[in-house]
């Protein structure tokens, strides 16, 4: 009986150690390079030209707004539709009565929005191409797979707190 216990304990210990594998380290910059290639290919395939922010976020302004650009601490009211590169819509508030509002820099939206919306003013309509490192990164959710480039068509309804 004692021998069986020893072998059982040794078996469990061996199983525990064999299940331990070194975790793969996710390389954000390597993924950023892959995302950039995908975005450039998408733009080329659709005959689109985009501006590039210093962060690497690309955007196309289709309607220029007026007034000051949003800034850190501004409340931005926006109508938007979010897509994946394959055209799948994952979220929208277009068609509803209310706009979505968020405060730039508060962390309530993906980092790409905090970056991109500082480039826009009231009335701006634009398409934003957000690499995954500024979106949901290597963590997906029910509607957005991990490492997904996000595309947003947006209209800035208003900017508050720019005084």
N, C-alpha and C. Protein backbone atom coordinates (compact mmCIF):
# COMPACT_ATOMS: atom_id res chain seq x y z
N UNK A 1 0.82 -1.19 0.00
CA UNK A 1 0.00 0.00 0.00
C UNK A 1 0.86 1.25 0.00
N UNK A 2 1.94 1.21 0.79
CA UNK A 2 2.84 2.35 0.87
C UNK A 2 3.51 2.60 -0.48
N UNK A 3 3.86 1.54 -1.19
CA UNK A 3 4.48 1.64 -2.50
C UNK A 3 3.52 2.29 -3.50
N UNK A 4 2.27 1.94 -3.42
CA UNK A 4 1.27 2.50 -4.33
C UNK A 4 1.15 4.01 -4.10
N UNK A 5 1.13 4.42 -2.84
CA UNK A 5 1.06 5.86 -2.53
C UNK A 5 2.26 6.61 -3.08
N UNK A 6 3.44 6.03 -2.92
CA UNK A 6 4.65 6.68 -3.42
C UNK A 6 4.57 6.85 -4.93
N UNK A 7 4.17 5.78 -5.64
CA UNK A 7 4.07 5.87 -7.09
C UNK A 7 2.96 6.84 -7.51
N UNK A 8 1.88 6.87 -6.76
CA UNK A 8 0.80 7.79 -7.05
C UNK A 8 1.26 9.24 -6.89
N UNK A 9 1.93 9.53 -5.79
CA UNK A 9 2.45 10.88 -5.55
C UNK A 9 3.47 11.26 -6.61
N UNK A 10 4.40 10.35 -6.91
CA UNK A 10 5.40 10.62 -7.95
C UNK A 10 4.74 10.84 -9.31
N UNK A 11 3.70 10.09 -9.60
CA UNK A 11 2.98 10.26 -10.87
C UNK A 11 2.31 11.61 -10.96
N UNK A 12 1.70 12.04 -9.86
CA UNK A 12 1.04 13.34 -9.84
C UNK A 12 2.06 14.46 -9.99
N UNK A 13 3.18 14.36 -9.29
CA UNK A 13 4.24 15.36 -9.40
C UNK A 13 4.79 15.40 -10.82
N UNK A 14 5.03 14.24 -11.41
CA UNK A 14 5.55 14.19 -12.78
C UNK A 14 4.55 14.80 -13.76
N UNK A 15 3.28 14.51 -13.56
CA UNK A 15 2.24 15.07 -14.42
C UNK A 15 2.18 16.60 -14.28
N UNK A 16 2.29 17.07 -13.06
CA UNK A 16 2.26 18.52 -12.82
C UNK A 16 3.42 19.22 -13.51
N UNK A 17 4.62 18.64 -13.42
CA UNK A 17 5.78 19.27 -14.05
C UNK A 17 5.72 19.16 -15.57
N UNK A 18 5.17 18.07 -16.09
CA UNK A 18 5.12 17.93 -17.54
C UNK A 18 4.09 18.88 -18.15
N UNK A 19 3.10 19.28 -17.37
CA UNK A 19 2.09 20.21 -17.86
C UNK A 19 2.59 21.65 -17.87
N UNK A 20 3.66 21.91 -17.16
CA UNK A 20 4.21 23.27 -17.09
C UNK A 20 5.08 23.53 -18.31
N UNK A 21 4.61 24.40 -19.17
CA UNK A 21 5.38 24.79 -20.35
C UNK A 21 5.72 26.26 -20.19
N UNK A 22 6.86 26.65 -20.71
CA UNK A 22 7.15 28.09 -20.65
C UNK A 22 6.11 28.84 -21.47
N UNK A 23 5.59 29.93 -20.90
CA UNK A 23 4.59 30.72 -21.61
C UNK A 23 5.24 31.44 -22.78
N UNK A 24 4.48 31.48 -23.87
CA UNK A 24 4.97 32.24 -25.02
C UNK A 24 4.86 33.72 -24.68
N UNK A 25 5.87 34.45 -25.04
CA UNK A 25 5.86 35.89 -24.79
C UNK A 25 5.27 36.58 -26.01
N UNK A 26 4.24 37.38 -25.79
CA UNK A 26 3.60 38.11 -26.87
C UNK A 26 4.43 39.33 -27.20
N UNK A 27 4.74 39.51 -28.47
CA UNK A 27 5.55 40.64 -28.92
C UNK A 27 4.63 41.69 -29.55
N UNK A 28 4.33 42.73 -28.79
CA UNK A 28 3.42 43.78 -29.24
C UNK A 28 3.93 44.47 -30.50
N UNK A 29 5.23 44.75 -30.54
CA UNK A 29 5.78 45.46 -31.70
C UNK A 29 5.76 44.60 -32.96
N UNK A 30 6.00 43.31 -32.80
CA UNK A 30 5.92 42.40 -33.95
C UNK A 30 4.49 42.37 -34.49
N UNK A 31 3.52 42.33 -33.59
CA UNK A 31 2.12 42.35 -34.00
C UNK A 31 1.78 43.69 -34.65
N UNK A 32 2.33 44.78 -34.14
CA UNK A 32 2.10 46.11 -34.72
C UNK A 32 2.58 46.15 -36.17
N UNK A 33 3.74 45.55 -36.44
CA UNK A 33 4.26 45.49 -37.81
C UNK A 33 3.30 44.69 -38.69
N UNK A 34 2.81 43.55 -38.19
CA UNK A 34 1.85 42.75 -38.97
C UNK A 34 0.57 43.54 -39.23
N UNK A 35 0.08 44.23 -38.20
CA UNK A 35 -1.14 45.03 -38.37
C UNK A 35 -0.94 46.14 -39.40
N UNK A 36 0.21 46.79 -39.36
CA UNK A 36 0.51 47.87 -40.30
C UNK A 36 0.50 47.35 -41.73
N UNK A 37 1.06 46.19 -41.96
CA UNK A 37 1.05 45.57 -43.29
C UNK A 37 -0.39 45.30 -43.72
N UNK A 38 -1.20 44.76 -42.82
CA UNK A 38 -2.60 44.48 -43.14
C UNK A 38 -3.37 45.76 -43.47
N UNK A 39 -3.14 46.81 -42.71
CA UNK A 39 -3.83 48.08 -42.96
C UNK A 39 -3.40 48.65 -44.31
N UNK A 40 -2.11 48.65 -44.59
CA UNK A 40 -1.62 49.16 -45.88
C UNK A 40 -2.22 48.37 -47.03
N UNK A 41 -2.31 47.05 -46.88
CA UNK A 41 -2.89 46.21 -47.93
C UNK A 41 -4.37 46.52 -48.11
N UNK A 42 -5.08 46.71 -47.02
CA UNK A 42 -6.50 47.06 -47.07
C UNK A 42 -6.69 48.38 -47.82
N UNK A 43 -5.87 49.36 -47.48
CA UNK A 43 -5.96 50.67 -48.14
C UNK A 43 -5.68 50.54 -49.63
N UNK A 44 -4.64 49.79 -49.98
CA UNK A 44 -4.28 49.60 -51.39
C UNK A 44 -5.40 48.87 -52.14
N UNK A 45 -5.93 47.81 -51.54
CA UNK A 45 -6.99 47.03 -52.18
C UNK A 45 -8.24 47.86 -52.42
N UNK A 46 -8.46 48.87 -51.60
CA UNK A 46 -9.66 49.70 -51.71
C UNK A 46 -9.37 51.09 -52.28
N UNK A 47 -8.17 51.25 -52.87
CA UNK A 47 -7.77 52.53 -53.47
C UNK A 47 -7.99 53.72 -52.54
N UNK A 48 -7.54 53.56 -51.31
CA UNK A 48 -7.68 54.61 -50.30
C UNK A 48 -6.31 55.14 -49.91
N UNK A 49 -6.26 56.43 -49.61
CA UNK A 49 -5.03 57.04 -49.08
C UNK A 49 -5.35 57.60 -47.71
N UNK A 50 -4.50 57.28 -46.76
CA UNK A 50 -4.74 57.71 -45.38
C UNK A 50 -3.56 58.52 -44.86
N UNK A 51 -3.86 59.42 -43.95
CA UNK A 51 -2.83 60.12 -43.19
C UNK A 51 -2.37 59.17 -42.09
N UNK A 52 -1.14 59.39 -41.60
CA UNK A 52 -0.60 58.55 -40.54
C UNK A 52 -0.20 59.43 -39.37
N UNK A 53 -0.76 59.15 -38.20
CA UNK A 53 -0.37 59.83 -36.97
C UNK A 53 0.97 59.27 -36.51
N UNK A 54 1.69 60.00 -35.66
CA UNK A 54 2.99 59.54 -35.17
C UNK A 54 2.90 58.20 -34.43
N UNK A 55 1.72 57.86 -33.94
CA UNK A 55 1.52 56.58 -33.25
C UNK A 55 1.45 55.41 -34.23
N UNK A 56 1.17 55.72 -35.49
CA UNK A 56 0.97 54.67 -36.49
C UNK A 56 -0.49 54.46 -36.83
N UNK A 57 -1.37 55.17 -36.15
CA UNK A 57 -2.79 55.09 -36.48
C UNK A 57 -3.02 55.85 -37.78
N UNK A 58 -3.75 55.21 -38.69
CA UNK A 58 -4.06 55.83 -39.97
C UNK A 58 -5.50 56.32 -39.94
N UNK A 59 -5.75 57.40 -40.69
CA UNK A 59 -7.09 57.97 -40.71
C UNK A 59 -7.33 58.70 -42.02
N UNK A 60 -8.59 58.74 -42.41
CA UNK A 60 -9.01 59.46 -43.61
C UNK A 60 -10.12 60.41 -43.17
N UNK A 61 -9.91 61.70 -43.33
CA UNK A 61 -10.96 62.67 -43.02
C UNK A 61 -11.80 62.85 -44.28
N UNK A 62 -13.09 62.52 -44.17
CA UNK A 62 -14.00 62.63 -45.32
C UNK A 62 -14.81 63.92 -45.27
N UNK A 63 -14.91 64.51 -44.09
CA UNK A 63 -15.58 65.80 -43.92
C UNK A 63 -14.85 66.55 -42.82
N UNK A 64 -14.29 67.70 -43.17
CA UNK A 64 -13.54 68.49 -42.19
C UNK A 64 -14.51 69.24 -41.29
N UNK A 65 -14.26 69.21 -40.00
CA UNK A 65 -15.09 69.93 -39.04
C UNK A 65 -14.60 71.36 -38.85
N UNK A 66 -15.09 71.99 -37.80
CA UNK A 66 -14.71 73.37 -37.49
C UNK A 66 -14.36 73.49 -36.01
N UNK A 67 -13.64 74.54 -35.68
CA UNK A 67 -13.29 74.80 -34.30
C UNK A 67 -12.02 74.09 -33.88
N UNK A 68 -11.79 74.10 -32.57
CA UNK A 68 -10.58 73.48 -32.03
C UNK A 68 -10.70 71.96 -32.03
N UNK A 69 -9.55 71.31 -32.18
CA UNK A 69 -9.52 69.86 -32.04
C UNK A 69 -9.78 69.49 -30.59
N UNK A 70 -10.29 68.29 -30.39
CA UNK A 70 -10.46 67.77 -29.04
C UNK A 70 -9.07 67.64 -28.41
N UNK A 71 -9.03 67.65 -27.08
CA UNK A 71 -7.76 67.53 -26.38
C UNK A 71 -7.96 66.69 -25.13
N UNK A 72 -6.87 66.41 -24.44
CA UNK A 72 -6.94 65.64 -23.21
C UNK A 72 -7.96 66.28 -22.27
N UNK A 73 -8.90 65.49 -21.78
CA UNK A 73 -9.93 66.00 -20.88
C UNK A 73 -11.20 66.45 -21.57
N UNK A 74 -11.18 66.59 -22.90
CA UNK A 74 -12.39 66.97 -23.63
C UNK A 74 -13.39 65.81 -23.61
N UNK A 75 -14.67 66.17 -23.55
CA UNK A 75 -15.73 65.17 -23.72
C UNK A 75 -16.12 65.20 -25.19
N UNK A 76 -16.04 64.06 -25.84
CA UNK A 76 -16.35 63.96 -27.26
C UNK A 76 -17.65 63.17 -27.41
N UNK A 77 -18.58 63.73 -28.17
CA UNK A 77 -19.82 63.04 -28.50
C UNK A 77 -19.69 62.56 -29.93
N UNK A 78 -19.93 61.28 -30.16
CA UNK A 78 -19.62 60.69 -31.46
C UNK A 78 -20.68 59.68 -31.90
N UNK A 79 -20.90 59.65 -33.19
CA UNK A 79 -21.65 58.58 -33.85
C UNK A 79 -20.61 57.72 -34.54
N UNK A 80 -20.74 56.41 -34.46
CA UNK A 80 -19.69 55.55 -35.01
C UNK A 80 -20.23 54.19 -35.44
N UNK A 81 -19.46 53.57 -36.32
CA UNK A 81 -19.63 52.16 -36.65
C UNK A 81 -18.25 51.54 -36.64
N UNK A 82 -18.11 50.41 -35.97
CA UNK A 82 -16.84 49.70 -35.89
C UNK A 82 -16.87 48.44 -36.73
N UNK A 83 -15.80 48.24 -37.51
CA UNK A 83 -15.67 47.08 -38.40
C UNK A 83 -14.36 46.36 -38.15
N UNK A 84 -14.31 45.12 -38.58
CA UNK A 84 -13.06 44.39 -38.70
C UNK A 84 -12.59 44.51 -40.14
N UNK A 85 -11.36 44.13 -40.42
CA UNK A 85 -10.82 44.23 -41.79
C UNK A 85 -11.64 43.43 -42.80
N UNK A 86 -12.30 42.36 -42.34
CA UNK A 86 -13.09 41.55 -43.27
C UNK A 86 -14.48 42.14 -43.53
N UNK A 87 -14.75 43.32 -42.95
CA UNK A 87 -16.03 43.99 -43.18
C UNK A 87 -17.09 43.69 -42.13
N UNK A 88 -16.81 42.80 -41.20
CA UNK A 88 -17.77 42.47 -40.15
C UNK A 88 -17.99 43.68 -39.23
N UNK A 89 -19.23 44.09 -39.07
CA UNK A 89 -19.56 45.16 -38.13
C UNK A 89 -19.63 44.56 -36.74
N UNK A 90 -18.90 45.17 -35.79
CA UNK A 90 -18.95 44.65 -34.42
C UNK A 90 -19.66 45.59 -33.46
N UNK A 91 -19.88 46.85 -33.86
CA UNK A 91 -20.60 47.78 -32.99
C UNK A 91 -20.99 49.02 -33.78
N UNK A 92 -22.11 49.61 -33.41
CA UNK A 92 -22.54 50.86 -34.03
C UNK A 92 -23.56 51.56 -33.13
N UNK A 93 -23.60 52.86 -33.24
CA UNK A 93 -24.69 53.61 -32.62
C UNK A 93 -25.37 54.50 -33.66
N UNK A 94 -25.03 54.29 -34.92
CA UNK A 94 -25.66 55.02 -36.01
C UNK A 94 -27.10 54.50 -36.14
N UNK A 95 -28.02 55.40 -36.31
CA UNK A 95 -29.42 55.01 -36.41
C UNK A 95 -30.16 55.21 -35.09
N UNK A 96 -29.42 55.29 -34.01
CA UNK A 96 -30.02 55.58 -32.71
C UNK A 96 -30.07 57.08 -32.47
N UNK A 97 -30.85 57.47 -31.50
CA UNK A 97 -30.99 58.90 -31.21
C UNK A 97 -29.78 59.47 -30.48
N UNK A 98 -29.15 58.66 -29.65
CA UNK A 98 -28.07 59.17 -28.81
C UNK A 98 -26.70 58.96 -29.42
N UNK A 99 -25.82 59.92 -29.16
CA UNK A 99 -24.42 59.75 -29.52
C UNK A 99 -23.71 59.10 -28.34
N UNK A 100 -22.54 58.56 -28.59
CA UNK A 100 -21.71 57.98 -27.54
C UNK A 100 -20.77 59.08 -27.06
N UNK A 101 -20.62 59.23 -25.76
CA UNK A 101 -19.70 60.26 -25.27
C UNK A 101 -18.63 59.63 -24.40
N UNK A 102 -17.43 60.20 -24.49
CA UNK A 102 -16.30 59.74 -23.70
C UNK A 102 -15.36 60.91 -23.45
N UNK A 103 -14.56 60.79 -22.41
CA UNK A 103 -13.58 61.81 -22.06
C UNK A 103 -12.21 61.33 -22.52
N UNK A 104 -11.53 62.14 -23.34
CA UNK A 104 -10.22 61.77 -23.85
C UNK A 104 -9.22 61.66 -22.69
N UNK A 105 -8.55 60.52 -22.66
CA UNK A 105 -7.53 60.28 -21.65
C UNK A 105 -8.02 59.61 -20.38
N UNK A 106 -9.31 59.34 -20.30
CA UNK A 106 -9.88 58.74 -19.10
C UNK A 106 -9.76 57.21 -19.10
N UNK A 107 -9.45 56.63 -20.27
CA UNK A 107 -9.31 55.18 -20.34
C UNK A 107 -10.62 54.43 -20.49
N UNK A 108 -11.68 55.12 -20.87
CA UNK A 108 -12.98 54.47 -21.01
C UNK A 108 -13.20 53.89 -22.40
N UNK A 109 -12.29 54.16 -23.32
CA UNK A 109 -12.37 53.63 -24.69
C UNK A 109 -11.01 53.04 -25.06
N UNK A 110 -10.94 52.38 -26.21
CA UNK A 110 -9.65 51.85 -26.64
C UNK A 110 -8.67 53.01 -26.82
N UNK A 111 -7.42 52.75 -26.59
CA UNK A 111 -6.39 53.79 -26.65
C UNK A 111 -6.36 54.49 -28.01
N UNK A 112 -6.67 53.76 -29.06
CA UNK A 112 -6.70 54.34 -30.40
C UNK A 112 -7.67 55.49 -30.53
N UNK A 113 -8.78 55.44 -29.79
CA UNK A 113 -9.73 56.56 -29.81
C UNK A 113 -9.14 57.76 -29.09
N UNK A 114 -8.50 57.54 -27.96
CA UNK A 114 -7.88 58.66 -27.24
C UNK A 114 -6.85 59.37 -28.12
N UNK A 115 -6.15 58.61 -28.94
CA UNK A 115 -5.14 59.19 -29.84
C UNK A 115 -5.81 59.88 -31.03
N UNK A 116 -6.69 59.16 -31.72
CA UNK A 116 -7.26 59.65 -32.98
C UNK A 116 -8.16 60.87 -32.80
N UNK A 117 -8.97 60.87 -31.77
CA UNK A 117 -9.94 61.97 -31.65
C UNK A 117 -9.29 63.30 -31.32
N UNK A 118 -8.04 63.30 -30.88
CA UNK A 118 -7.33 64.57 -30.69
C UNK A 118 -6.96 65.20 -32.04
N UNK A 119 -7.14 64.45 -33.11
CA UNK A 119 -6.86 64.95 -34.45
C UNK A 119 -8.10 65.60 -35.08
N UNK A 120 -9.24 65.49 -34.42
CA UNK A 120 -10.52 65.90 -35.01
C UNK A 120 -11.15 67.05 -34.24
N UNK A 121 -12.01 67.78 -34.96
CA UNK A 121 -12.80 68.82 -34.33
C UNK A 121 -14.28 68.56 -34.59
N UNK A 122 -15.14 69.42 -34.05
CA UNK A 122 -16.59 69.23 -34.17
C UNK A 122 -17.00 69.18 -35.63
N UNK A 123 -17.79 68.17 -35.97
CA UNK A 123 -18.28 68.02 -37.34
C UNK A 123 -17.41 67.14 -38.21
N UNK A 124 -16.24 66.77 -37.75
CA UNK A 124 -15.35 65.91 -38.54
C UNK A 124 -16.01 64.55 -38.76
N UNK A 125 -15.91 64.09 -40.00
CA UNK A 125 -16.28 62.71 -40.33
C UNK A 125 -15.01 62.05 -40.83
N UNK A 126 -14.73 60.86 -40.33
CA UNK A 126 -13.46 60.21 -40.66
C UNK A 126 -13.57 58.70 -40.54
N UNK A 127 -12.60 58.05 -41.15
CA UNK A 127 -12.41 56.61 -40.97
C UNK A 127 -11.07 56.44 -40.29
N UNK A 128 -11.06 55.66 -39.21
CA UNK A 128 -9.85 55.45 -38.41
C UNK A 128 -9.45 53.98 -38.52
N UNK A 129 -8.17 53.73 -38.73
CA UNK A 129 -7.62 52.37 -38.81
C UNK A 129 -6.71 52.18 -37.60
N UNK A 130 -7.14 51.35 -36.66
CA UNK A 130 -6.44 51.21 -35.38
C UNK A 130 -5.75 49.86 -35.29
N UNK A 131 -4.41 49.85 -35.24
CA UNK A 131 -3.68 48.59 -35.01
C UNK A 131 -4.09 47.99 -33.66
N UNK A 132 -3.98 46.67 -33.56
CA UNK A 132 -4.48 45.98 -32.37
C UNK A 132 -3.85 46.46 -31.07
N UNK A 133 -2.61 46.93 -31.12
CA UNK A 133 -1.98 47.38 -29.86
C UNK A 133 -2.68 48.60 -29.27
N UNK A 134 -3.42 49.34 -30.10
CA UNK A 134 -4.20 50.47 -29.62
C UNK A 134 -5.69 50.13 -29.53
N UNK A 135 -6.01 48.86 -29.79
CA UNK A 135 -7.38 48.39 -29.68
C UNK A 135 -7.51 47.45 -28.50
N UNK A 136 -7.78 46.18 -28.81
CA UNK A 136 -7.95 45.19 -27.74
C UNK A 136 -6.73 44.29 -27.59
N UNK A 137 -5.66 44.58 -28.36
CA UNK A 137 -4.41 43.83 -28.22
C UNK A 137 -4.60 42.35 -28.47
N UNK A 138 -3.88 41.54 -27.70
CA UNK A 138 -3.95 40.09 -27.91
C UNK A 138 -5.04 39.45 -27.06
N UNK A 139 -5.98 40.27 -26.60
CA UNK A 139 -7.12 39.77 -25.84
C UNK A 139 -8.38 40.05 -26.65
N UNK A 140 -9.05 39.03 -27.07
CA UNK A 140 -10.28 39.22 -27.82
C UNK A 140 -11.48 39.28 -26.90
N UNK A 141 -12.64 39.40 -27.51
CA UNK A 141 -13.88 39.29 -26.77
C UNK A 141 -14.88 38.57 -27.65
N UNK A 142 -16.13 38.58 -27.28
CA UNK A 142 -17.14 37.83 -28.01
C UNK A 142 -17.24 38.24 -29.48
N UNK A 143 -17.03 39.52 -29.77
CA UNK A 143 -17.23 40.03 -31.12
C UNK A 143 -15.94 40.37 -31.85
N UNK A 144 -14.85 40.53 -31.13
CA UNK A 144 -13.59 40.98 -31.73
C UNK A 144 -12.49 39.98 -31.39
N UNK A 145 -11.95 39.29 -32.40
CA UNK A 145 -10.86 38.34 -32.13
C UNK A 145 -9.60 39.06 -31.65
N UNK A 146 -8.77 38.33 -30.93
CA UNK A 146 -7.48 38.87 -30.48
C UNK A 146 -6.67 39.34 -31.68
N UNK A 147 -5.86 40.35 -31.49
CA UNK A 147 -4.96 40.90 -32.52
C UNK A 147 -5.69 41.43 -33.74
N UNK A 148 -6.87 41.98 -33.55
CA UNK A 148 -7.66 42.50 -34.67
C UNK A 148 -7.40 43.98 -34.90
N UNK A 149 -7.19 44.33 -36.16
CA UNK A 149 -7.19 45.73 -36.57
C UNK A 149 -8.64 46.20 -36.51
N UNK A 150 -8.86 47.39 -35.97
CA UNK A 150 -10.20 47.95 -35.88
C UNK A 150 -10.34 49.11 -36.86
N UNK A 151 -11.49 49.16 -37.53
CA UNK A 151 -11.80 50.27 -38.43
C UNK A 151 -13.05 50.94 -37.88
N UNK A 152 -13.00 52.24 -37.73
CA UNK A 152 -14.16 52.99 -37.26
C UNK A 152 -14.50 54.09 -38.24
N UNK A 153 -15.77 54.16 -38.63
CA UNK A 153 -16.29 55.32 -39.34
C UNK A 153 -16.94 56.17 -38.27
N UNK A 154 -16.49 57.41 -38.14
CA UNK A 154 -16.94 58.26 -37.03
C UNK A 154 -17.41 59.62 -37.52
N UNK A 155 -18.31 60.21 -36.74
CA UNK A 155 -18.72 61.60 -36.94
C UNK A 155 -18.71 62.26 -35.57
N UNK A 156 -17.92 63.31 -35.43
CA UNK A 156 -17.84 64.04 -34.16
C UNK A 156 -19.04 64.97 -34.08
N UNK A 157 -19.97 64.64 -33.20
CA UNK A 157 -21.19 65.41 -33.03
C UNK A 157 -20.91 66.70 -32.27
N UNK A 158 -20.09 66.60 -31.22
CA UNK A 158 -19.77 67.78 -30.43
C UNK A 158 -18.53 67.50 -29.59
N UNK A 159 -17.90 68.56 -29.16
CA UNK A 159 -16.75 68.48 -28.24
C UNK A 159 -17.03 69.46 -27.11
N UNK A 160 -17.01 68.95 -25.89
CA UNK A 160 -17.27 69.78 -24.71
C UNK A 160 -16.01 69.87 -23.87
N UNK A 161 -15.85 70.99 -23.18
CA UNK A 161 -14.71 71.14 -22.28
C UNK A 161 -13.43 71.55 -22.95
N UNK A 162 -13.53 72.19 -24.10
CA UNK A 162 -12.34 72.67 -24.81
C UNK A 162 -12.01 74.11 -24.43
N UNK A 163 -12.70 74.64 -23.43
CA UNK A 163 -12.52 76.06 -23.06
C UNK A 163 -11.16 76.30 -22.46
